[in-house]
Structures are given as structure tokens and as C-alpha cells.
Amino acid sequence: MERDSQLELFRLVADRLKEAHSRVRTLQVPEGVRMALSRKLLAITAAAKHDLSGAAMRLDRLMNDLDEGRFPEEPDRDGTP
């Protein structure tokens, strides 16, 4: 039973990650912002391998930020935000 719920959560997170990557690709934002969002998605993907429920919560927060139009600031040319 536990395994079935874990597999369902895995499927949900995988589907939401695909959706998030697609949304980030199509956003009309500066390239630096897109790169920052992509790095966040990569971090969530890596976290999912070790902490699936934590990664699901992080992904929910990121998706809420995207829905609300809250994006990371574009870093300056020297790499600082």
C-alpha cells in the first residue's frame, strides 16, 4: 500500500515537473530569469531522488510563484542579483 502511494506521488511530481519546465520555456522573461527558474527546477528534480515529498512541496511553491507572476530577479552582468 505504501509503495502504491509513493508511486502515485512520483507520477504526480514527474508530470508537474514536465509542466513546470514547459511553462518556464515559454515565459516572456529575460534570459537570466529563465536560467534562474531552470536551476530551481533542476534542484527540485535532484531533490526528488532523495526526498520526494519535500520536492513535491518545493515544486508546489514554485508553481504558485509562477501563477502569481513572482519570478527571481535577473542577476547583474557580474552574476549578483
N, C-alpha and C. Protein backbone atom coordinates (compact mmCIF):
# COMPACT_ATOMS: atom_id res chain seq x y z
N MET A 1 0.83 -1.19 0.00
CA MET A 1 0.00 0.00 0.00
C MET A 1 0.87 1.25 0.00
N GLU A 2 1.87 1.30 0.88
CA GLU A 2 2.79 2.44 0.96
C GLU A 2 3.47 2.65 -0.39
N ARG A 3 3.89 1.57 -1.00
CA ARG A 3 4.59 1.66 -2.29
C ARG A 3 3.69 2.27 -3.37
N ASP A 4 2.41 1.90 -3.36
CA ASP A 4 1.47 2.44 -4.35
C ASP A 4 1.31 3.95 -4.20
N SER A 5 1.22 4.42 -2.96
CA SER A 5 1.08 5.86 -2.76
C SER A 5 2.36 6.58 -3.15
N GLN A 6 3.51 5.94 -2.90
CA GLN A 6 4.79 6.54 -3.29
C GLN A 6 4.90 6.62 -4.82
N LEU A 7 4.47 5.58 -5.51
CA LEU A 7 4.48 5.60 -6.98
C LEU A 7 3.55 6.67 -7.53
N GLU A 8 2.39 6.83 -6.91
CA GLU A 8 1.44 7.85 -7.36
C GLU A 8 2.03 9.25 -7.16
N LEU A 9 2.68 9.47 -6.03
CA LEU A 9 3.33 10.76 -5.78
C LEU A 9 4.44 10.99 -6.80
N PHE A 10 5.20 9.96 -7.11
CA PHE A 10 6.26 10.06 -8.10
C PHE A 10 5.68 10.48 -9.46
N ARG A 11 4.60 9.85 -9.87
CA ARG A 11 3.96 10.20 -11.14
C ARG A 11 3.47 11.64 -11.14
N LEU A 12 2.87 12.05 -10.03
CA LEU A 12 2.37 13.41 -9.91
C LEU A 12 3.51 14.42 -10.02
N VAL A 13 4.59 14.17 -9.28
CA VAL A 13 5.74 15.09 -9.32
C VAL A 13 6.35 15.11 -10.72
N ALA A 14 6.49 13.96 -11.34
CA ALA A 14 7.07 13.90 -12.69
C ALA A 14 6.21 14.69 -13.69
N ASP A 15 4.91 14.54 -13.61
CA ASP A 15 4.01 15.28 -14.51
C ASP A 15 4.09 16.78 -14.25
N ARG A 16 4.14 17.17 -12.98
CA ARG A 16 4.21 18.60 -12.65
C ARG A 16 5.55 19.19 -13.04
N LEU A 17 6.63 18.40 -12.92
CA LEU A 17 7.94 18.89 -13.36
C LEU A 17 7.94 19.14 -14.87
N LYS A 18 7.33 18.23 -15.62
CA LYS A 18 7.24 18.43 -17.07
C LYS A 18 6.46 19.69 -17.39
N GLU A 19 5.36 19.89 -16.69
CA GLU A 19 4.55 21.10 -16.89
C GLU A 19 5.36 22.35 -16.53
N ALA A 20 6.07 22.30 -15.42
CA ALA A 20 6.85 23.46 -14.98
C ALA A 20 7.95 23.79 -15.97
N HIS A 21 8.66 22.79 -16.47
CA HIS A 21 9.71 23.03 -17.46
C HIS A 21 9.13 23.66 -18.72
N SER A 22 7.98 23.18 -19.13
CA SER A 22 7.32 23.73 -20.32
C SER A 22 6.93 25.19 -20.09
N ARG A 23 6.37 25.47 -18.93
CA ARG A 23 5.97 26.85 -18.62
C ARG A 23 7.17 27.79 -18.59
N VAL A 24 8.25 27.34 -17.97
CA VAL A 24 9.45 28.18 -17.88
C VAL A 24 9.99 28.47 -19.28
N ARG A 25 9.99 27.45 -20.14
CA ARG A 25 10.49 27.63 -21.51
C ARG A 25 9.71 28.69 -22.27
N THR A 26 8.41 28.79 -22.01
CA THR A 26 7.56 29.69 -22.80
C THR A 26 7.34 31.06 -22.14
N LEU A 27 7.88 31.27 -20.94
CA LEU A 27 7.71 32.57 -20.27
C LEU A 27 8.38 33.68 -21.05
N GLN A 28 7.75 34.82 -21.06
CA GLN A 28 8.32 36.01 -21.69
C GLN A 28 9.07 36.81 -20.62
N VAL A 29 10.23 36.30 -20.24
CA VAL A 29 11.06 36.93 -19.21
C VAL A 29 12.49 37.01 -19.73
N PRO A 30 13.33 37.87 -19.12
CA PRO A 30 14.73 37.93 -19.53
C PRO A 30 15.42 36.57 -19.35
N GLU A 31 16.43 36.34 -20.15
CA GLU A 31 17.12 35.04 -20.14
C GLU A 31 17.68 34.70 -18.76
N GLY A 32 18.17 35.70 -18.03
CA GLY A 32 18.71 35.45 -16.69
C GLY A 32 17.65 34.91 -15.73
N VAL A 33 16.44 35.42 -15.85
CA VAL A 33 15.34 34.93 -15.01
C VAL A 33 14.99 33.50 -15.40
N ARG A 34 14.94 33.24 -16.70
CA ARG A 34 14.64 31.88 -17.18
C ARG A 34 15.71 30.90 -16.68
N MET A 35 16.96 31.32 -16.70
CA MET A 35 18.04 30.43 -16.22
C MET A 35 17.90 30.17 -14.73
N ALA A 36 17.54 31.19 -13.95
CA ALA A 36 17.35 31.01 -12.51
C ALA A 36 16.20 30.04 -12.23
N LEU A 37 15.12 30.17 -12.97
CA LEU A 37 13.99 29.26 -12.80
C LEU A 37 14.37 27.84 -13.21
N SER A 38 15.15 27.71 -14.27
CA SER A 38 15.60 26.38 -14.71
C SER A 38 16.49 25.74 -13.66
N ARG A 39 17.35 26.54 -13.02
CA ARG A 39 18.19 26.00 -11.95
C ARG A 39 17.34 25.52 -10.78
N LYS A 40 16.30 26.27 -10.45
CA LYS A 40 15.40 25.83 -9.37
C LYS A 40 14.75 24.50 -9.72
N LEU A 41 14.32 24.38 -10.97
CA LEU A 41 13.69 23.12 -11.40
C LEU A 41 14.68 21.96 -11.35
N LEU A 42 15.92 22.21 -11.74
CA LEU A 42 16.94 21.16 -11.66
C LEU A 42 17.19 20.75 -10.21
N ALA A 43 17.19 21.72 -9.30
CA ALA A 43 17.39 21.41 -7.89
C ALA A 43 16.22 20.58 -7.35
N ILE A 44 15.01 20.93 -7.76
CA ILE A 44 13.83 20.16 -7.32
C ILE A 44 13.89 18.75 -7.88
N THR A 45 14.30 18.62 -9.13
CA THR A 45 14.43 17.29 -9.74
C THR A 45 15.44 16.45 -8.99
N ALA A 46 16.58 17.03 -8.64
CA ALA A 46 17.60 16.30 -7.90
C ALA A 46 17.08 15.93 -6.50
N ALA A 47 16.37 16.84 -5.86
CA ALA A 47 15.84 16.57 -4.53
C ALA A 47 14.82 15.44 -4.55
N ALA A 48 14.08 15.32 -5.64
CA ALA A 48 13.05 14.28 -5.75
C ALA A 48 13.64 12.88 -5.64
N LYS A 49 14.90 12.73 -5.97
CA LYS A 49 15.54 11.42 -5.90
C LYS A 49 15.75 10.98 -4.45
N HIS A 50 15.80 11.95 -3.52
CA HIS A 50 16.10 11.63 -2.13
C HIS A 50 14.96 11.95 -1.18
N ASP A 51 14.13 12.92 -1.55
CA ASP A 51 13.04 13.39 -0.69
C ASP A 51 11.87 13.78 -1.57
N LEU A 52 11.11 12.81 -1.97
CA LEU A 52 10.03 13.03 -2.93
C LEU A 52 8.97 13.98 -2.39
N SER A 53 8.56 13.81 -1.16
CA SER A 53 7.51 14.67 -0.62
C SER A 53 8.02 16.11 -0.45
N GLY A 54 9.28 16.28 -0.04
CA GLY A 54 9.86 17.61 0.07
C GLY A 54 9.96 18.28 -1.29
N ALA A 55 10.35 17.50 -2.30
CA ALA A 55 10.44 18.04 -3.66
C ALA A 55 9.05 18.44 -4.16
N ALA A 56 8.04 17.66 -3.82
CA ALA A 56 6.67 17.99 -4.23
C ALA A 56 6.24 19.32 -3.62
N MET A 57 6.60 19.55 -2.36
CA MET A 57 6.25 20.83 -1.71
C MET A 57 7.00 21.99 -2.35
N ARG A 58 8.28 21.80 -2.64
CA ARG A 58 9.06 22.85 -3.30
C ARG A 58 8.50 23.16 -4.68
N LEU A 59 8.09 22.12 -5.39
CA LEU A 59 7.52 22.32 -6.72
C LEU A 59 6.19 23.06 -6.63
N ASP A 60 5.38 22.73 -5.64
CA ASP A 60 4.11 23.46 -5.44
C ASP A 60 4.37 24.94 -5.21
N ARG A 61 5.38 25.27 -4.38
CA ARG A 61 5.69 26.67 -4.13
C ARG A 61 6.16 27.36 -5.41
N LEU A 62 6.99 26.69 -6.19
CA LEU A 62 7.47 27.28 -7.44
C LEU A 62 6.32 27.51 -8.41
N MET A 63 5.43 26.53 -8.53
CA MET A 63 4.29 26.68 -9.43
C MET A 63 3.38 27.81 -8.96
N ASN A 64 3.19 27.95 -7.66
CA ASN A 64 2.39 29.07 -7.13
C ASN A 64 3.05 30.39 -7.47
N ASP A 65 4.38 30.46 -7.33
CA ASP A 65 5.10 31.67 -7.70
C ASP A 65 4.89 32.01 -9.17
N LEU A 66 4.97 30.99 -10.03
CA LEU A 66 4.75 31.23 -11.47
C LEU A 66 3.33 31.72 -11.71
N ASP A 67 2.36 31.10 -11.04
CA ASP A 67 0.96 31.51 -11.20
C ASP A 67 0.75 32.96 -10.77
N GLU A 68 1.45 33.37 -9.72
CA GLU A 68 1.30 34.72 -9.17
C GLU A 68 2.19 35.74 -9.87
N GLY A 69 3.02 35.28 -10.81
CA GLY A 69 3.92 36.19 -11.51
C GLY A 69 5.13 36.61 -10.69
N ARG A 70 5.47 35.82 -9.67
CA ARG A 70 6.65 36.11 -8.85
C ARG A 70 7.83 35.34 -9.43
N PHE A 71 8.79 36.08 -9.95
CA PHE A 71 9.97 35.48 -10.57
C PHE A 71 11.21 35.98 -9.85
N PRO A 72 12.29 35.19 -9.89
CA PRO A 72 13.55 35.68 -9.30
C PRO A 72 14.04 36.91 -10.07
N GLU A 73 14.79 37.74 -9.37
CA GLU A 73 15.35 38.91 -10.04
C GLU A 73 16.43 38.47 -11.01
N GLU A 74 16.56 39.23 -12.09
CA GLU A 74 17.61 38.93 -13.06
C GLU A 74 18.95 39.35 -12.46
N PRO A 75 19.94 38.46 -12.47
CA PRO A 75 21.25 38.83 -11.93
C PRO A 75 21.92 39.91 -12.78
N ASP A 76 22.76 40.72 -12.12
CA ASP A 76 23.55 41.71 -12.87
C ASP A 76 24.54 40.97 -13.74
N ARG A 77 25.20 41.71 -14.60
CA ARG A 77 26.16 41.08 -15.50
C ARG A 77 27.32 40.42 -14.75
N ASP A 78 27.60 40.87 -13.54
CA ASP A 78 28.69 40.24 -12.77
C ASP A 78 28.21 39.01 -12.00
N GLY A 79 26.91 38.67 -12.16
CA GLY A 79 26.37 37.45 -11.58
C GLY A 79 25.68 37.65 -10.25
N THR A 80 25.66 38.88 -9.71
CA THR A 80 24.98 39.11 -8.45
C THR A 80 23.55 39.56 -8.70
N PRO A 81 22.62 39.12 -7.83
CA PRO A 81 21.21 39.51 -8.02
C PRO A 81 20.97 40.97 -7.72
